[in-house]
Amino acid sequence: MTRKERWQGLLDLLVERGEVEVEPAAEALGVSAATIRRDLDQLAEQQLLVRTRGGAVLHGVSYELPLRYRGSRRAAEKRRISEAVAALITPGEVIGLTGGTTTTEVARALAGRPDLAQGSPALTVVTNALNIAGELVIRPQFKIVLTGGVARPQSYELTGPLAEQVLGQLVVDTAVLGVDGFDPADGAATRHEDEASVNRLLCDRARRVVIAADSSKLGVRAFARICPTSSVDVLVTDTGLAAGVAREFEAAGVQVLRV
């Protein structure tokens, strides 16, 4: 097991349990207790956890892994989802991309499409995600519109009145949303109200709303609502979505694509 894999495993255990102890973590990951102690010390130096005498705890009640660590979770599913979402976009569209690991993969899939290699522009991409803008700005065939706002270090998203002011002046063909939860009854949601507010406005400005989410986020509620289910046109997810939940989304008028 590599160091990166150990760190990901430790962080996953922390998110699941709220705390970890050295000996059980060593047994779960199949490494020595000394290795776990060293890993916890290094993760604490990066302020990803707080060391205790026997292990580690989360930084606070509301905890969120930074984007760079969440990106490796369910990676294969996210790649399939992103490619399917990218295939829905036609040249010349204005698309909106929120922040998140799956939407970042959508941006990469769009950058890899041969038919979008040329154009003036081939696509106009509106985003409040600094990392997405950074990856696409080097593509001359894409026009990148980055909202203003205050940056959230965990997700690289810009939020607040400045972001909302820019989005309020634009019209988008397709909005692609990453979410923390999408429930047939409660709609799409995220953990943070500031992100939800910007994402909600992006939905309002779009002719079509696409949610890109792996099945672990479906049938799940989150704190801050983005939009009702009736506002979503297409859900792209993986084959792990239960058939019953898929039927609930379809009954609400959502086209469900399982890839």
Protein backbone atom coordinates (compact mmCIF):
# COMPACT_ATOMS: atom_id res chain seq x y z
CA MET A 1 0.00 0.00 0.00
CA THR A 2 1.42 3.38 -0.99
CA ARG A 3 1.53 6.39 1.28
CA LYS A 4 -1.18 8.10 -0.75
CA GLU A 5 -3.43 5.05 -0.37
CA ARG A 6 -2.77 4.92 3.38
CA TRP A 7 -3.56 8.60 3.77
CA GLN A 8 -6.76 8.21 1.80
CA GLY A 9 -7.72 5.23 3.94
CA LEU A 10 -7.06 7.14 7.16
CA LEU A 11 -9.06 10.13 5.99
CA ASP A 12 -11.93 7.88 4.93
CA LEU A 13 -11.93 6.29 8.38
CA LEU A 14 -11.98 9.74 9.98
CA VAL A 15 -14.94 10.87 7.90
CA GLU A 16 -16.80 7.65 8.70
CA ARG A 17 -16.06 7.46 12.42
CA GLY A 18 -15.10 10.98 13.49
CA GLU A 19 -11.91 9.66 15.10
CA VAL A 20 -9.30 6.94 14.65
CA GLU A 21 -7.06 5.06 17.04
CA VAL A 22 -3.62 3.87 16.00
CA GLU A 23 -3.95 0.12 16.59
CA PRO A 24 -7.38 -0.39 14.92
CA ALA A 25 -6.30 1.80 11.98
CA ALA A 26 -3.10 -0.22 11.57
CA GLU A 27 -5.11 -3.45 11.55
CA ALA A 28 -7.67 -2.05 9.08
CA LEU A 29 -4.99 -0.90 6.65
CA GLY A 30 -2.63 -3.83 7.15
CA VAL A 31 0.41 -1.80 8.22
CA SER A 32 2.38 -1.28 11.41
CA ALA A 33 1.33 1.00 14.23
CA ALA A 34 4.54 2.98 13.75
CA THR A 35 3.58 3.67 10.14
CA ILE A 36 0.13 4.89 11.19
CA ARG A 37 1.62 7.19 13.84
CA ARG A 38 3.96 8.69 11.25
CA ASP A 39 1.11 9.14 8.75
CA LEU A 40 -1.10 10.83 11.34
CA ASP A 41 1.72 13.20 12.28
CA GLN A 42 2.19 14.17 8.63
CA LEU A 43 -1.54 14.65 8.06
CA ALA A 44 -1.70 16.80 11.19
CA GLU A 45 1.10 18.99 9.80
CA GLN A 46 -1.17 19.62 6.78
CA GLN A 47 -4.04 20.52 9.17
CA LEU A 48 -6.19 17.68 7.86
CA LEU A 49 -6.73 16.26 11.36
CA VAL A 50 -5.90 16.86 15.01
CA ARG A 51 -3.55 14.41 16.73
CA THR A 52 -4.57 12.91 20.06
CA ARG A 53 -2.56 10.73 22.40
CA GLY A 54 -3.92 7.52 20.92
CA GLY A 55 -4.81 8.56 17.38
CA ALA A 56 -6.55 11.51 15.75
CA VAL A 57 -9.88 13.35 15.50
CA LEU A 58 -11.47 15.63 12.98
CA HIS A 59 -10.77 19.34 13.01
CA GLY A 60 -14.32 20.23 13.96
CA VAL A 61 -17.97 19.25 13.80
CA SER A 62 -18.33 20.29 10.18
CA TYR A 63 -15.56 18.52 8.33
CA GLU A 64 -14.87 18.29 4.63
CA LEU A 65 -11.95 16.69 2.85
CA PRO A 66 -10.04 19.01 0.54
CA LEU A 67 -10.76 18.46 -3.14
CA ARG A 68 -7.38 16.87 -3.84
CA TYR A 69 -8.17 14.00 -1.44
CA ARG A 70 -11.81 13.52 -2.44
CA GLY A 71 -10.83 13.18 -6.09
CA SER A 72 -9.53 9.63 -5.72
CA ARG A 73 -12.77 8.27 -4.25
CA ARG A 74 -14.96 6.35 -6.74
CA ALA A 75 -12.60 7.53 -9.47
CA ALA A 76 -13.67 4.99 -12.10
CA GLU A 77 -17.34 5.88 -11.70
CA LYS A 78 -16.59 9.58 -11.92
CA ARG A 79 -14.66 9.14 -15.15
CA ARG A 80 -17.54 7.26 -16.78
CA ILE A 81 -20.03 9.83 -15.56
CA SER A 82 -17.91 12.74 -16.79
CA GLU A 83 -17.52 11.25 -20.25
CA ALA A 84 -21.27 10.72 -20.52
CA VAL A 85 -21.96 14.30 -19.41
CA ALA A 86 -19.41 15.69 -21.86
CA ALA A 87 -21.14 13.77 -24.67
CA LEU A 88 -24.35 15.70 -23.93
CA ILE A 89 -22.71 19.03 -24.80
CA THR A 90 -22.84 20.33 -28.37
CA PRO A 91 -20.20 22.64 -29.91
CA GLY A 92 -20.93 26.32 -29.45
CA GLU A 93 -22.84 25.93 -26.18
CA VAL A 94 -22.44 28.11 -23.13
CA ILE A 95 -22.06 25.71 -20.22
CA GLY A 96 -21.85 26.32 -16.50
CA LEU A 97 -19.69 24.14 -14.25
CA THR A 98 -19.87 24.23 -10.47
CA GLY A 99 -16.96 23.05 -8.37
CA GLY A 100 -16.37 19.48 -7.27
CA THR A 101 -14.47 16.35 -8.18
CA THR A 102 -16.99 15.05 -10.73
CA THR A 103 -17.42 18.39 -12.49
CA THR A 104 -13.64 18.70 -12.65
CA GLU A 105 -13.61 15.39 -14.49
CA VAL A 106 -16.33 16.74 -16.82
CA ALA A 107 -14.06 19.67 -17.67
CA ARG A 108 -11.22 17.26 -18.49
CA ALA A 109 -13.53 15.13 -20.63
CA LEU A 110 -14.61 18.21 -22.58
CA ALA A 111 -10.98 19.19 -23.09
CA GLY A 112 -10.31 15.74 -24.52
CA ARG A 113 -13.09 15.79 -27.12
CA PRO A 114 -11.54 15.98 -30.63
CA ASP A 115 -14.54 17.83 -32.08
CA LEU A 116 -13.98 20.61 -29.53
CA ALA A 117 -10.31 21.05 -30.42
CA GLN A 118 -11.10 24.01 -32.66
CA GLY A 119 -13.63 26.81 -32.80
CA SER A 120 -14.05 30.44 -31.98
CA PRO A 121 -14.97 29.47 -29.34
CA ALA A 122 -15.84 25.77 -29.42
CA LEU A 123 -17.39 26.25 -25.98
CA THR A 124 -17.94 29.06 -23.52
CA VAL A 125 -17.43 27.79 -19.98
CA VAL A 126 -18.82 29.74 -17.04
CA THR A 127 -17.50 28.52 -13.69
CA ASN A 128 -16.99 29.59 -10.11
CA ALA A 129 -14.30 26.91 -9.61
CA LEU A 130 -10.72 28.17 -9.65
CA ASN A 131 -9.23 24.76 -10.44
CA ILE A 132 -11.55 24.19 -13.42
CA ALA A 133 -10.78 27.62 -14.84
CA GLY A 134 -7.06 26.94 -14.35
CA GLU A 135 -7.23 23.66 -16.27
CA LEU A 136 -9.28 25.02 -19.18
CA VAL A 137 -7.79 28.48 -19.64
CA ILE A 138 -4.82 26.99 -21.51
CA ARG A 139 -7.26 25.65 -24.14
CA PRO A 140 -7.55 28.45 -26.70
CA GLN A 141 -10.71 26.92 -28.18
CA PHE A 142 -12.56 27.54 -24.90
CA LYS A 143 -13.75 30.92 -23.69
CA ILE A 144 -13.54 30.90 -19.91
CA VAL A 145 -15.72 33.15 -17.77
CA LEU A 146 -14.77 33.02 -14.10
CA THR A 147 -17.07 34.55 -11.53
CA GLY A 148 -15.70 36.74 -8.81
CA GLY A 149 -16.24 35.95 -5.17
CA VAL A 150 -14.59 34.64 -2.03
CA ALA A 151 -12.63 31.39 -2.46
CA ARG A 152 -13.36 28.32 -0.35
CA PRO A 153 -10.07 26.41 0.10
CA GLN A 154 -11.73 22.99 0.40
CA SER A 155 -13.55 23.12 -2.96
CA TYR A 156 -11.75 25.98 -4.78
CA GLU A 157 -15.18 27.55 -5.39
CA LEU A 158 -15.90 31.28 -5.45
CA THR A 159 -19.02 32.26 -3.55
CA GLY A 160 -20.80 35.33 -2.25
CA PRO A 161 -22.36 38.48 -3.76
CA LEU A 162 -19.65 39.02 -6.38
CA ALA A 163 -20.20 35.56 -7.87
CA GLU A 164 -23.95 36.04 -7.81
CA GLN A 165 -23.67 39.45 -9.47
CA VAL A 166 -21.77 38.00 -12.44
CA LEU A 167 -24.09 35.00 -12.86
CA GLY A 168 -27.11 37.27 -12.75
CA GLN A 169 -25.96 38.91 -15.98
CA LEU A 170 -25.46 35.70 -17.98
CA VAL A 171 -27.55 33.13 -19.85
CA VAL A 172 -26.32 29.53 -19.91
CA ASP A 173 -27.37 26.69 -22.21
CA THR A 174 -26.43 23.81 -19.89
CA ALA A 175 -25.55 23.92 -16.21
CA VAL A 176 -23.63 20.92 -14.88
CA LEU A 177 -23.86 20.58 -11.13
CA GLY A 178 -21.88 18.61 -8.61
CA VAL A 179 -23.88 17.90 -5.45
CA ASP A 180 -23.47 16.38 -2.01
CA GLY A 181 -26.97 14.94 -2.11
CA PHE A 182 -29.83 14.50 -4.57
CA ASP A 183 -33.09 13.10 -3.24
CA PRO A 184 -36.26 12.60 -5.31
CA ALA A 185 -38.37 14.32 -2.66
CA ASP A 186 -35.98 16.97 -1.32
CA GLY A 187 -34.07 17.90 -4.48
CA ALA A 188 -30.40 18.70 -5.00
CA ALA A 189 -28.32 20.01 -2.12
CA THR A 190 -24.84 20.67 -0.82
CA ARG A 191 -23.26 21.00 2.61
CA HIS A 192 -22.67 24.74 2.49
CA GLU A 193 -25.27 27.45 2.08
CA ASP A 194 -22.91 29.82 0.25
CA GLU A 195 -22.18 27.22 -2.44
CA ALA A 196 -25.87 26.34 -2.67
CA SER A 197 -26.78 29.98 -3.30
CA VAL A 198 -24.39 30.31 -6.25
CA ASN A 199 -25.37 26.94 -7.68
CA ARG A 200 -29.06 27.83 -7.39
CA LEU A 201 -28.55 30.97 -9.41
CA LEU A 202 -26.62 29.05 -12.07
CA CYS A 203 -29.61 26.70 -12.38
CA ASP A 204 -31.94 29.66 -12.74
CA ARG A 205 -29.83 31.07 -15.58
CA ALA A 206 -29.65 27.75 -17.49
CA ARG A 207 -31.96 26.31 -20.14
CA ARG A 208 -30.97 22.76 -19.12
CA VAL A 209 -29.75 21.46 -15.76
CA VAL A 210 -27.61 18.31 -15.58
CA ILE A 211 -26.55 16.73 -12.30
CA ALA A 212 -23.38 14.64 -12.40
CA ALA A 213 -23.20 12.48 -9.28
CA ASP A 214 -22.13 8.99 -8.34
CA SER A 215 -24.76 6.71 -6.80
CA SER A 216 -23.50 7.21 -3.22
CA LYS A 217 -24.96 10.75 -3.32
CA LEU A 218 -28.41 9.78 -4.60
CA GLY A 219 -31.39 9.30 -2.33
CA VAL A 220 -29.33 11.36 0.13
CA ARG A 221 -30.18 14.68 1.76
CA ALA A 222 -27.71 17.49 2.46
CA PHE A 223 -27.94 20.67 4.49
CA ALA A 224 -28.38 23.45 1.92
CA ARG A 225 -30.87 23.03 -0.92
CA ILE A 226 -29.82 24.02 -4.43
CA CYS A 227 -33.01 23.33 -6.38
CA PRO A 228 -36.08 21.07 -6.39
CA THR A 229 -36.03 17.85 -8.37
CA SER A 230 -38.43 19.38 -10.87
CA SER A 231 -35.71 21.85 -11.93
CA VAL A 232 -33.33 19.06 -12.99
CA ASP A 233 -33.51 17.79 -16.58
CA VAL A 234 -30.89 15.04 -16.60
CA LEU A 235 -29.15 12.94 -13.94
CA VAL A 236 -25.97 11.14 -14.99
CA THR A 237 -24.79 8.53 -12.52
CA ASP A 238 -23.30 5.04 -12.30
CA THR A 239 -24.93 1.64 -12.40
CA GLY A 240 -24.91 1.42 -8.62
CA LEU A 241 -28.10 3.50 -8.48
CA ALA A 242 -30.95 1.34 -7.19
CA ALA A 243 -33.72 0.75 -9.73
CA GLY A 244 -36.37 1.96 -7.30
CA VAL A 245 -34.62 5.28 -6.73
CA ALA A 246 -34.12 5.69 -10.47
CA ARG A 247 -37.86 5.22 -11.01
CA GLU A 248 -38.59 7.91 -8.40
CA PHE A 249 -36.38 10.39 -10.26
CA GLU A 250 -37.98 9.48 -13.59
CA ALA A 251 -41.46 9.90 -12.09
CA ALA A 252 -40.41 13.41 -11.11
CA GLY A 253 -39.51 14.20 -14.73
CA VAL A 254 -35.74 13.62 -14.57
CA GLN A 255 -34.03 11.71 -17.38
CA VAL A 256 -31.71 9.19 -15.70
CA LEU A 257 -28.57 7.98 -17.48
CA ARG A 258 -26.69 5.16 -15.71
CA VAL A 259 -23.21 4.52 -17.10
